[in-house]
Amino acid sequence: MSVQISTNTPLEKNAAERDSSDAPRPKLSRAGILLGERLVPLLSGSVHYFRLEPESWRPCLESLRDMGCTVVDVYVPWSVHEDPQGNFDFGRYEPALDVVKFLRIAEELGLFALVRPGPHINAELSGFGLPERVLWDRDCQARSPAGEAVILPMPPLAFPVPSYASRKLLNEACAWLRRVGEELGPLAWPRGPIVLCQVDNEGAMYFRDGVYEQDYHPDSVALYRRHLESRYGTPEALGAAYGIVTETFDVTPPHRFDAQDSRELRRQLDWAEYQESSIADAFALFRQAMSGAGLERVPTCHNLPMGESATPLDPSRLGKVVECVGMDYYHVAAEASSDVILKRTSEVTTRADAFDYPAFAVELAAGFPPFFPPLTEEDNRFAALSCLSAGIRGFNLYMAVERDRWIGSPIDRFGAQRASFEFWARLNEAVQRTRFYELSRAADICVVVPRSLHRLERLLHAFGPISAAAFDIMGLGAYDSCLEQGPFAASLFDAERFLRSLLRELSERGLAYRVCGNDSVGYALAQSRFGFVVSAGGLERELWRSLNDAAASGALLRFGPTLPRTSPSGLELLPDLTPAAAERSLVVAEHALAGELDRLNDAHSPLRLVAGRGLRCSLFRDEAGAPRVLFVTNTTPEPALARVELSALGGPITEAVDALDGATLRATFGTLEAPLSPQSVRMLELR
């Protein structure tokens, strides 16, 4: 089947498809959204219709289209559409709330739509888009271990965190989503522009996501006990695991980390894992509520917030509820940012490639909210190009159009183009011209980071209401944020030190790597020459089986800093590696990493792109393996000259053209030299 690329499709071209009752549904692929035989690259921009004058909708959307976007991203806020009496207004009384009219204008202009009805949308709205009558209803509020409401001190107004286990909250939220479905369902493609729908937003328990911060709501405790019943089957099995005598599952969830042995650790891990599953279960209810009116025709997504690895959001669980798990990016131009973006993004792209959906930056900063540290236009450019260099295939500019509580969008609230408009227009054009969304980042070293490692770090977090994600965003980790006492901290610190050393050694050698989690490990190792597995002593059995199968099939594995021999609880010994797997697996201590990487490099010749100290390279190839795009990054605060040996890239390359400014760089004696401004990224087309 030949696939036609679509940018902006006029309304009249969709008429035949709209009238066809058996038209295909939108489908996600690695390259974007497939609408029948047309491929729509996922190049989006956020526009908040409810914050604009209706007469500005068309000029704002026209500028969005002219900027090269194919999709408009639309929040639909519950608290804005509901009046104090609980009645909904979708434009009957307030014209600015006519979301259907807004989306029809977008369709007329050839734009498709990503809709995000929440219930949580954040969007710098007070209460994150939930009505006050719901937020201040005690039955809807998350509870602390003492049974009190949990407050989020978020500007401009603090509010109680809602409980996603509360039956009343879930009923209220599902009623809202069903009502949204009635309005938006008829606009699902091909009858309208909607091709993607987000379920909730940054679902990390409203940033009060410490393991012992919440949720001790009575409904949550009941669900926790059902979780234990599903896991253990009988009270006797639960008692044996916990080292207690019990005839029921009516155990109390832990209120703080106090485990001194492996049995007590299992109890703590079960509470953390329950929180992960409860979020995914709530999302499943939300998705179901939107079905039945037409929205079930479109694929769904969810966005992981900054510091996602330190939250209770488990991508493997979320991936069973939504088709696309994307990520948010709000980064400054700095040396640390480049490595952080690569680590975060490579895991997202590996998972997306494994399950055939686009690696999507659901929120890519174009400006910043006024009560956050400012992001300059240089910061936004650096982050955007760094995301692409790490493998992102689609992005949503947040915000594309200015509105209240936001600074620095490329389009103002009347549709006028600002200075930064040109950069985003050139970037969108470059992505389209190079068909970048069809290319794949070259990386043949795999770094496996188990979910159990993230879970243990969450358990040992020592700063109460300050989320572990906040430390992760600041580039800090277990050293800085976790409990030091007890029998489990040492193994966590050793594992984090090993991971940091490994990533540093790989970067310094110019060795391209990908990070993967439990659910995509088989795919990632199959694409790699060898893999490193980070272990804090424990490992999930299902991950162990995947690693064993991969090694037995030929993958080279290096475990560090120790070979896992137990499950995360420390109770069950893992079986030995099979003989075939053991022959291809070794344990590497932190101090031996450099030597082992040199040996593997000599024996197996992984891709090595060396550009210079403080410089980074990232190569993208087409389906045939031909090199097409090279990103070169200067992470230092000084100008730099990057030198790349063309022999490492493969193919008959004689020159490179800057995809954004058109400058031509010609190779000399087999070397490509690229001048770089301080803390900048260049996207080069290879010819």
Foldseek 3Di string as FASTA:
>chain_A
DAAAEDFFDALVVLVVFLPDPPFAFWDFFAQAIDRPRYHYGFAEAEDELLQFDVVLLLLQLLLRVLLRHQEYEYEQFQQSQADPVGDGDQCPVPPSNVVVVSQQSNNNRRHAYEYEDAPACPPVDVVNRDHPVQQPDLLQAFAAPVGDFQWDCDPPHITTQGDLLRPVNLVSLLVSLLVVLQNCQCQRPPSHRYAEYEQHAQLQSNLQFFLRGTGPRVSLLVLLLVLVCVVQVAQVSLCVLLVHDDRGSNDDQDNADDDFALSSVVSSLSSLLSVLLSSLVSSLSSVVSSPDRHPVSHFYEYEHEFLNLLGSHDVVSNCVRGVAYEYEDDFFLFLVVLLLLLQVQLARSLVCNLSGGYHEHAEQEQWAFPVDPGHDLQRSQLRVQSNVLSPGSHYYYVHCEDGPRTDGHQAYSNNDGDPSSLQSSLVSVLCVVLSSSQWGWAAAEEEEEESLLSSVLSNFFDDNSNGQSVCVNVVHGSVPGGDDDHDQSVLSVQLVLLVVLLSVLCFQQQHGYGYHYQPSVLVNQVRHQEYEYGDSQAHAQSSVVSLLVSLLVPHAYEYPPDDHQYHSSRPDGHDDRDPSNVVRYYYDHSVCSNVVVVVCCVVPVGQGWAFDPQKHKIWIAHPVLQTFKMKIWRNAQAKDKTKTQQVSRDDDFAWKAFSRPGDIFGDDPRITIDIDHHSHMTIITTD
